[in-house]
Each structure stands twice: as C-alpha cells, then as structure tokens.
Amino acid sequence: MIEFNRLRFLIADQNAQMRRIVRTLLYGFGSRDVIEVDNGAAAFEAFVHFAPDIVITDWNMPIIDGLELTQMIRQPEASANPCVPIIMLSANSERRHIVAARDAGVTEFLVKPMSAKALHDRILSVAAKPRPFVKSKKFFGPDRRRSGRETYVGPERRSEDRAEDATPAGGVDKWVAI
C-alpha cells in the first residue's frame, strides 16, 4: 500500500485552477507535501530544491514546456534524481503528442480533464510498480515495456542508437542498456 502522506509532489501547470484541482485530489488521497508552480523554469528550480517524489506537469507552460522540463530532469549527469516519476497532464490527446511525451521520458500520460480515479491509478502505478530505466545515446527514461522483463534480446528499436554500458548510479534503481 502506498502511503500518500510520505510522498512529495510537484505540480507544474500554468492554470491556477488546474493546479488547485490536482492539489485538492492529492490532499484527498492523503498527501500533505505539495508544491505548485506556474511555469517550467520555476518547476525545474522547485525540482532541484524541493526534491519531489513525483512530478505532475502540464505540457503547455510558459518559459519551458512540460517536454523540455522532462528532458532536463532526465539528464543523468545533471539531475539529482533523473528517475523521478513524471506524470504529464495534457489536453493534447493526439497519438503524436503521447508518443512525443513518452520519447521525452514521461512515465505516465493523462488527458485533461482527468478523473480522480485515473490520477490515483497513475500515482499508484509509478509508486508501487516503477519501471526500469533505459539509457542509450539519445534517451534516458522509463522503459516503455511493462512486461517486467529486465533485458531485451533482439534488434534495436531506435536505429540511431547503439547499446551503451549502463550501470546503476546514485538514486537509480534499475537501468537497462538498449
């Protein structure tokens, strides 16, 4: 069981009403440690100083958007916790947006308006069943496969990438080289 009262959340959304809705839902789940920001630059600063357990971000934000924020967080050499779960909330529901978010390193994607149950389920998913992380030349982020396999044997899916040695570093639970 997940103890929401022990989780720290960062909410990044330019819409104050949406931040309030998400905060209220998190409080309803039992969380008490929530910080809110209205743009991507403030989100990255808060990420560095607040050290959240889960980031919930919108795609469309001023200064730095949610994709850029995700890419900044997913830099293993520059980020204190590149494996933090990132849940993206977005009104951009087209497949190309979901694929772009996944390819940027987003852990879960929710389309606005979302239900309390959908948000709760995504949080449980990222907290209780974290996926291993993949590191290649052009990508660092959660493995898109949910099967639980820790290795992949077969042709590379991204032809521009070549396998690298990937070893766990501070704060990284599992990495899988592709």
Protein backbone atom coordinates (compact mmCIF):
# COMPACT_ATOMS: atom_id res chain seq x y z
CA MET A 1 0.00 0.00 0.00
CA ILE A 2 1.24 3.48 -0.86
CA GLU A 3 1.46 5.99 1.98
CA PHE A 4 0.47 9.22 0.26
CA ASN A 5 1.33 11.21 3.37
CA ARG A 6 5.00 10.32 2.80
CA LEU A 7 5.13 11.37 -0.86
CA ARG A 8 6.28 14.80 -2.02
CA PHE A 9 4.56 16.14 -5.14
CA LEU A 10 5.50 18.92 -7.54
CA ILE A 11 2.62 20.26 -9.66
CA ALA A 12 3.59 22.37 -12.67
CA ASP A 13 0.72 23.92 -14.64
CA GLN A 14 0.16 27.46 -15.87
CA ASN A 15 -3.54 27.22 -15.00
CA ALA A 16 -4.12 28.05 -11.31
CA GLN A 17 -7.49 26.30 -11.30
CA MET A 18 -5.98 23.08 -12.63
CA ARG A 19 -3.22 23.22 -10.01
CA ARG A 20 -5.87 23.68 -7.32
CA ILE A 21 -7.85 20.68 -8.61
CA VAL A 22 -4.78 18.43 -8.64
CA ARG A 23 -3.67 19.65 -5.19
CA THR A 24 -7.16 19.03 -3.79
CA LEU A 25 -7.16 15.50 -5.23
CA LEU A 26 -3.70 14.81 -3.78
CA TYR A 27 -4.86 16.06 -0.38
CA GLY A 28 -7.89 13.79 -0.70
CA PHE A 29 -5.55 10.84 -1.34
CA GLY A 30 -3.72 11.71 1.89
CA SER A 31 -0.77 13.73 0.64
CA ARG A 32 0.30 16.82 2.55
CA ASP A 33 3.60 17.76 0.92
CA VAL A 34 2.68 19.50 -2.36
CA ILE A 35 4.35 22.44 -4.09
CA GLU A 36 2.80 24.26 -7.05
CA VAL A 37 4.44 26.34 -9.80
CA ASP A 38 3.05 28.02 -12.90
CA ASN A 39 5.87 27.59 -15.45
CA GLY A 40 8.57 25.14 -16.47
CA ALA A 41 11.52 27.23 -15.28
CA ALA A 42 10.04 27.51 -11.78
CA ALA A 43 9.25 23.78 -11.97
CA PHE A 44 12.87 22.87 -12.62
CA GLU A 45 14.06 25.15 -9.83
CA ALA A 46 11.49 23.60 -7.47
CA PHE A 47 12.55 20.12 -8.62
CA VAL A 48 16.15 20.89 -7.66
CA HIS A 49 15.34 22.43 -4.26
CA PHE A 50 12.18 20.54 -3.22
CA ALA A 51 13.28 17.04 -4.37
CA PRO A 52 9.78 15.70 -5.11
CA ASP A 53 8.98 12.01 -5.24
CA ILE A 54 6.56 12.55 -8.14
CA VAL A 55 6.30 15.37 -10.70
CA ILE A 56 2.91 16.17 -12.24
CA THR A 57 3.29 18.55 -15.16
CA ASP A 58 1.25 20.09 -17.91
CA TRP A 59 2.62 20.06 -21.45
CA ASN A 60 1.83 23.70 -22.28
CA MET A 61 3.60 26.11 -19.95
CA PRO A 62 5.47 29.36 -20.45
CA ILE A 63 9.26 29.66 -20.50
CA ILE A 64 9.90 25.89 -20.51
CA ASP A 65 7.17 23.48 -21.55
CA GLY A 66 6.49 20.09 -20.00
CA LEU A 67 8.51 18.19 -22.62
CA GLU A 68 11.56 20.39 -22.09
CA LEU A 69 11.15 20.08 -18.33
CA THR A 70 11.06 16.29 -18.64
CA GLN A 71 14.17 16.28 -20.81
CA MET A 72 16.01 18.46 -18.29
CA ILE A 73 15.03 16.20 -15.40
CA ARG A 74 16.03 13.07 -17.35
CA GLN A 75 19.67 14.16 -17.73
CA PRO A 76 21.53 11.62 -15.50
CA GLU A 77 24.69 13.73 -15.41
CA ALA A 78 22.92 16.97 -14.45
CA SER A 79 19.92 15.92 -12.37
CA ALA A 80 19.91 14.86 -8.74
CA ASN A 81 17.08 12.37 -9.41
CA PRO A 82 16.70 11.62 -13.13
CA CYS A 83 14.47 8.63 -12.31
CA VAL A 84 11.71 10.60 -10.59
CA PRO A 85 8.30 9.54 -11.93
CA ILE A 86 6.80 12.21 -14.21
CA ILE A 87 3.07 12.22 -14.91
CA MET A 88 2.06 14.53 -17.73
CA LEU A 89 -1.43 16.04 -17.74
CA SER A 90 -2.33 17.48 -21.10
CA ALA A 91 -5.23 18.44 -23.31
CA ASN A 92 -3.07 17.29 -26.25
CA SER A 93 -4.61 13.87 -26.74
CA GLU A 94 -3.40 13.05 -30.24
CA ARG A 95 -1.21 9.97 -30.53
CA ARG A 96 1.75 12.03 -31.76
CA HIS A 97 1.70 14.03 -28.51
CA ILE A 98 1.58 10.91 -26.38
CA VAL A 99 4.48 9.39 -28.34
CA ALA A 100 6.48 12.63 -28.05
CA ALA A 101 5.90 12.69 -24.28
CA ARG A 102 6.94 9.06 -23.96
CA ASP A 103 10.04 9.69 -26.06
CA ALA A 104 10.95 12.67 -23.84
CA GLY A 105 10.89 10.38 -20.79
CA VAL A 106 7.42 10.91 -19.33
CA THR A 107 6.44 7.98 -17.11
CA GLU A 108 2.64 8.25 -17.44
CA PHE A 109 0.30 10.42 -19.53
CA LEU A 110 -3.17 11.63 -18.57
CA VAL A 111 -5.52 13.56 -20.84
CA LYS A 112 -7.37 16.54 -19.36
CA PRO A 113 -9.94 16.54 -17.99
CA MET A 114 -8.89 13.56 -15.91
CA SER A 115 -10.79 11.76 -13.19
CA ALA A 116 -9.67 11.38 -9.59
CA LYS A 117 -9.51 7.62 -10.16
CA ALA A 118 -7.27 7.99 -13.23
CA LEU A 119 -4.84 10.24 -11.33
CA HIS A 120 -4.88 7.91 -8.32
CA ASP A 121 -4.25 4.87 -10.54
CA ARG A 122 -1.31 6.56 -12.30
CA ILE A 123 0.27 7.55 -8.99
CA LEU A 124 -0.13 4.00 -7.66
CA SER A 125 1.38 2.67 -10.87
CA VAL A 126 4.52 4.83 -10.74
CA ALA A 127 4.99 4.45 -6.97
CA ALA A 128 4.17 0.77 -6.47
CA LYS A 129 5.38 -0.69 -9.77
CA PRO A 130 8.20 1.52 -11.07
CA ARG A 131 9.53 0.52 -14.47
CA PRO A 132 13.25 0.02 -15.05
CA PHE A 133 15.05 2.85 -16.81
CA VAL A 134 16.70 2.64 -20.20
CA LYS A 135 19.85 4.51 -21.17
CA SER A 136 21.08 4.89 -24.72
CA LYS A 137 22.94 7.62 -26.59
CA LYS A 138 19.80 9.66 -27.16
CA PHE A 139 17.40 8.56 -24.45
CA PHE A 140 17.23 8.14 -20.71
CA GLY A 141 13.88 7.32 -19.21
CA PRO A 142 11.40 4.65 -18.19
CA ASP A 143 11.29 1.51 -20.29
CA ARG A 144 8.11 1.59 -22.33
CA ARG A 145 7.68 -2.17 -21.93
CA ARG A 146 5.55 -3.04 -18.91
CA SER A 147 6.13 -6.78 -19.03
CA GLY A 148 8.62 -6.77 -16.18
CA ARG A 149 11.43 -8.21 -18.27
CA GLU A 150 14.73 -6.67 -17.34
CA THR A 151 16.54 -7.33 -20.60
CA TYR A 152 15.64 -7.15 -24.24
CA VAL A 153 17.16 -9.50 -26.78
CA GLY A 154 16.57 -8.61 -30.39
CA PRO A 155 17.08 -5.85 -32.91
CA GLU A 156 17.34 -2.31 -31.64
CA ARG A 157 14.16 -0.32 -31.95
CA ARG A 158 15.90 3.00 -32.45
CA SER A 159 18.29 2.57 -35.36
CA GLU A 160 20.25 5.72 -34.48
CA ASP A 161 21.13 4.34 -31.04
CA ARG A 162 23.80 1.81 -30.25
CA ALA A 163 23.88 -0.05 -26.97
CA GLU A 164 25.87 1.54 -24.17
CA ASP A 165 27.02 0.10 -20.91
CA ALA A 166 24.52 1.15 -18.34
CA THR A 167 25.28 0.72 -14.69
CA PRO A 168 23.20 1.87 -11.77
CA ALA A 169 24.31 5.14 -10.21
CA GLY A 170 23.17 7.01 -7.13
CA GLY A 171 19.39 7.15 -6.98
CA VAL A 172 18.89 4.80 -9.94
CA ASP A 173 17.19 1.52 -9.10
CA LYS A 174 17.45 -0.29 -12.43
CA TRP A 175 18.87 0.60 -15.81
CA VAL A 176 18.61 -1.48 -18.93
CA ALA A 177 21.01 -0.89 -21.81
CA ILE A 178 19.49 -0.87 -25.26
